[in-house]
Amino acid sequence: MKIHMIAACGVGMSALATLLRAAGHTVTASDEQAYPPASDVLRDAGVKLRIGWDAAHVRNVDLVVCGNAVRRTNVEA
């Protein structure tokens, strides 16, 4: 399954992304800012992390997971 995580650099979302990768899913992620340790954890798990929001990030995915910090006005949501 192809999964995209919006606002993935939080503690809970980055942990979920790594668990989904470990389960064999293809996971992409985005966040407004990315910095260690979350960015390192995601990269090491094989999650492609993009900085900033873009509706193109959610094309051709099976599931989108939004962090609780994501506003309705976010173009990816």
N, C-alpha and C. Protein backbone atom coordinates (compact mmCIF):
# COMPACT_ATOMS: atom_id res chain seq x y z
N MET A 1 0.84 -1.17 0.00
CA MET A 1 0.00 0.00 0.00
C MET A 1 0.89 1.24 0.00
N LYS A 2 0.48 2.27 -0.72
CA LYS A 2 1.19 3.56 -0.75
C LYS A 2 0.49 4.51 0.22
N ILE A 3 1.24 4.98 1.20
CA ILE A 3 0.69 5.82 2.27
C ILE A 3 1.46 7.13 2.32
N HIS A 4 0.73 8.23 2.46
CA HIS A 4 1.37 9.53 2.63
C HIS A 4 0.98 10.09 3.99
N MET A 5 1.98 10.57 4.72
CA MET A 5 1.79 11.13 6.06
C MET A 5 1.96 12.65 6.00
N ILE A 6 0.94 13.40 6.39
CA ILE A 6 1.01 14.86 6.42
C ILE A 6 1.38 15.29 7.83
N ALA A 7 2.38 16.15 7.95
CA ALA A 7 2.92 16.61 9.24
C ALA A 7 3.57 15.44 9.98
N ALA A 8 4.51 14.82 9.30
CA ALA A 8 5.09 13.56 9.76
C ALA A 8 6.24 13.68 10.74
N CYS A 9 6.68 14.87 11.05
CA CYS A 9 7.87 14.99 11.90
C CYS A 9 7.57 15.05 13.40
N GLY A 10 6.33 14.91 13.77
CA GLY A 10 6.01 14.83 15.19
C GLY A 10 6.37 13.45 15.74
N VAL A 11 6.39 13.34 17.04
CA VAL A 11 6.77 12.08 17.68
C VAL A 11 5.85 10.93 17.27
N GLY A 12 4.56 11.14 17.33
CA GLY A 12 3.61 10.08 17.00
C GLY A 12 3.58 9.73 15.53
N MET A 13 3.57 10.75 14.69
CA MET A 13 3.48 10.52 13.25
C MET A 13 4.76 9.88 12.70
N SER A 14 5.91 10.30 13.18
CA SER A 14 7.15 9.68 12.70
C SER A 14 7.25 8.23 13.16
N ALA A 15 6.79 7.95 14.37
CA ALA A 15 6.78 6.56 14.85
C ALA A 15 5.83 5.70 14.01
N LEU A 16 4.65 6.24 13.71
CA LEU A 16 3.70 5.50 12.87
C LEU A 16 4.27 5.26 11.48
N ALA A 17 4.92 6.26 10.91
CA ALA A 17 5.52 6.11 9.57
C ALA A 17 6.56 4.99 9.56
N THR A 18 7.38 4.92 10.59
CA THR A 18 8.40 3.86 10.63
C THR A 18 7.77 2.49 10.83
N LEU A 19 6.71 2.42 11.61
CA LEU A 19 5.99 1.14 11.77
C LEU A 19 5.36 0.69 10.46
N LEU A 20 4.77 1.63 9.73
CA LEU A 20 4.18 1.28 8.44
C LEU A 20 5.23 0.82 7.44
N ARG A 21 6.40 1.45 7.44
CA ARG A 21 7.50 1.01 6.57
C ARG A 21 7.95 -0.39 6.96
N ALA A 22 8.07 -0.62 8.26
CA ALA A 22 8.51 -1.94 8.74
C ALA A 22 7.51 -3.03 8.36
N ALA A 23 6.24 -2.64 8.20
CA ALA A 23 5.21 -3.59 7.79
C ALA A 23 5.20 -3.81 6.28
N GLY A 24 6.09 -3.11 5.57
CA GLY A 24 6.23 -3.34 4.14
C GLY A 24 5.54 -2.34 3.23
N HIS A 25 4.96 -1.29 3.79
CA HIS A 25 4.27 -0.29 2.98
C HIS A 25 5.26 0.72 2.41
N THR A 26 4.89 1.32 1.29
CA THR A 26 5.63 2.45 0.74
C THR A 26 5.09 3.70 1.43
N VAL A 27 5.97 4.45 2.06
CA VAL A 27 5.52 5.61 2.84
C VAL A 27 6.27 6.86 2.38
N THR A 28 5.48 7.89 2.09
CA THR A 28 6.04 9.21 1.84
C THR A 28 5.51 10.13 2.93
N ALA A 29 6.17 11.27 3.09
CA ALA A 29 5.79 12.16 4.17
C ALA A 29 6.09 13.60 3.80
N SER A 30 5.42 14.49 4.48
CA SER A 30 5.70 15.91 4.31
C SER A 30 5.53 16.61 5.65
N ASP A 31 6.21 17.73 5.76
CA ASP A 31 6.06 18.57 6.94
C ASP A 31 6.53 19.97 6.58
N GLU A 32 6.07 20.94 7.36
CA GLU A 32 6.45 22.32 7.12
C GLU A 32 7.95 22.53 7.35
N GLN A 33 8.47 21.86 8.35
CA GLN A 33 9.89 21.89 8.67
C GLN A 33 10.32 20.47 9.01
N ALA A 34 11.57 20.17 8.77
CA ALA A 34 12.09 18.86 9.13
C ALA A 34 13.46 19.04 9.74
N TYR A 35 13.68 18.39 10.86
CA TYR A 35 14.95 18.50 11.55
C TYR A 35 15.16 17.25 12.38
N PRO A 36 16.41 16.95 12.70
CA PRO A 36 16.69 15.78 13.54
C PRO A 36 16.07 15.95 14.93
N PRO A 37 15.71 14.88 15.55
CA PRO A 37 15.94 13.49 15.15
C PRO A 37 14.88 12.92 14.22
N ALA A 38 13.71 13.56 14.11
CA ALA A 38 12.63 12.97 13.31
C ALA A 38 13.03 12.80 11.86
N SER A 39 13.67 13.79 11.27
CA SER A 39 14.06 13.67 9.86
C SER A 39 15.04 12.52 9.64
N ASP A 40 15.93 12.32 10.57
CA ASP A 40 16.89 11.20 10.48
C ASP A 40 16.18 9.85 10.62
N VAL A 41 15.26 9.77 11.55
CA VAL A 41 14.52 8.52 11.78
C VAL A 41 13.73 8.15 10.52
N LEU A 42 13.04 9.13 9.94
CA LEU A 42 12.26 8.86 8.74
C LEU A 42 13.16 8.44 7.58
N ARG A 43 14.24 9.17 7.36
CA ARG A 43 15.17 8.83 6.29
C ARG A 43 15.74 7.43 6.47
N ASP A 44 16.17 7.11 7.68
CA ASP A 44 16.77 5.81 7.96
C ASP A 44 15.77 4.67 7.77
N ALA A 45 14.48 4.97 7.94
CA ALA A 45 13.44 3.95 7.76
C ALA A 45 13.05 3.80 6.29
N GLY A 46 13.54 4.70 5.44
CA GLY A 46 13.20 4.62 4.03
C GLY A 46 11.97 5.41 3.64
N VAL A 47 11.60 6.37 4.46
CA VAL A 47 10.46 7.24 4.18
C VAL A 47 10.97 8.46 3.43
N LYS A 48 10.40 8.74 2.25
CA LYS A 48 10.79 9.93 1.49
C LYS A 48 10.08 11.13 2.11
N LEU A 49 10.85 12.06 2.65
CA LEU A 49 10.31 13.23 3.34
C LEU A 49 10.47 14.47 2.48
N ARG A 50 9.36 15.17 2.30
CA ARG A 50 9.37 16.42 1.53
C ARG A 50 9.08 17.58 2.47
N ILE A 51 9.73 18.71 2.21
CA ILE A 51 9.52 19.90 3.02
C ILE A 51 8.49 20.77 2.32
N GLY A 52 7.47 21.18 3.07
CA GLY A 52 6.41 22.01 2.52
C GLY A 52 5.22 21.20 2.06
N TRP A 53 4.17 21.93 1.72
CA TRP A 53 2.90 21.30 1.34
C TRP A 53 2.68 21.45 -0.16
N ASP A 54 2.20 20.40 -0.79
CA ASP A 54 1.92 20.42 -2.22
C ASP A 54 0.88 19.33 -2.50
N ALA A 55 -0.19 19.69 -3.17
CA ALA A 55 -1.24 18.72 -3.48
C ALA A 55 -0.70 17.53 -4.27
N ALA A 56 0.36 17.74 -5.01
CA ALA A 56 0.96 16.65 -5.80
C ALA A 56 1.49 15.53 -4.91
N HIS A 57 1.79 15.83 -3.66
CA HIS A 57 2.32 14.81 -2.74
C HIS A 57 1.31 13.69 -2.47
N VAL A 58 0.02 13.98 -2.63
CA VAL A 58 -1.00 12.97 -2.29
C VAL A 58 -1.61 12.29 -3.52
N ARG A 59 -1.05 12.58 -4.68
CA ARG A 59 -1.53 11.89 -5.89
C ARG A 59 -1.00 10.46 -5.91
N ASN A 60 -1.82 9.57 -6.39
CA ASN A 60 -1.44 8.17 -6.57
C ASN A 60 -1.05 7.48 -5.27
N VAL A 61 -1.71 7.82 -4.16
CA VAL A 61 -1.51 7.11 -2.92
C VAL A 61 -2.82 6.42 -2.54
N ASP A 62 -2.72 5.37 -1.74
CA ASP A 62 -3.90 4.63 -1.31
C ASP A 62 -4.51 5.19 -0.03
N LEU A 63 -3.67 5.81 0.79
CA LEU A 63 -4.12 6.29 2.09
C LEU A 63 -3.34 7.54 2.46
N VAL A 64 -4.04 8.52 3.00
CA VAL A 64 -3.40 9.73 3.53
C VAL A 64 -3.69 9.80 5.01
N VAL A 65 -2.65 10.00 5.81
CA VAL A 65 -2.79 10.12 7.26
C VAL A 65 -2.40 11.54 7.64
N CYS A 66 -3.30 12.25 8.31
CA CYS A 66 -3.06 13.64 8.71
C CYS A 66 -2.73 13.71 10.19
N GLY A 67 -1.67 14.43 10.49
CA GLY A 67 -1.34 14.70 11.89
C GLY A 67 -2.36 15.67 12.48
N ASN A 68 -2.44 15.71 13.79
CA ASN A 68 -3.45 16.56 14.44
C ASN A 68 -3.16 18.05 14.29
N ALA A 69 -1.97 18.41 13.83
CA ALA A 69 -1.63 19.82 13.62
C ALA A 69 -2.05 20.31 12.23
N VAL A 70 -2.57 19.44 11.40
CA VAL A 70 -2.92 19.79 10.03
C VAL A 70 -4.25 20.53 10.01
N ARG A 71 -4.24 21.69 9.38
CA ARG A 71 -5.46 22.50 9.26
C ARG A 71 -6.22 22.13 7.99
N ARG A 72 -7.50 22.41 7.99
CA ARG A 72 -8.33 22.11 6.82
C ARG A 72 -7.87 22.86 5.57
N THR A 73 -7.18 23.96 5.76
CA THR A 73 -6.73 24.75 4.62
C THR A 73 -5.45 24.19 3.99
N ASN A 74 -4.86 23.18 4.58
CA ASN A 74 -3.65 22.56 4.03
C ASN A 74 -4.00 21.92 2.69
N VAL A 75 -3.26 22.24 1.64
CA VAL A 75 -3.57 21.74 0.29
C VAL A 75 -3.44 20.23 0.18
N GLU A 76 -2.67 19.60 1.05
CA GLU A 76 -2.57 18.14 1.02
C GLU A 76 -3.76 17.48 1.70
N ALA A 77 -4.34 18.14 2.66
CA ALA A 77 -5.51 17.58 3.36
C ALA A 77 -6.74 17.66 2.48
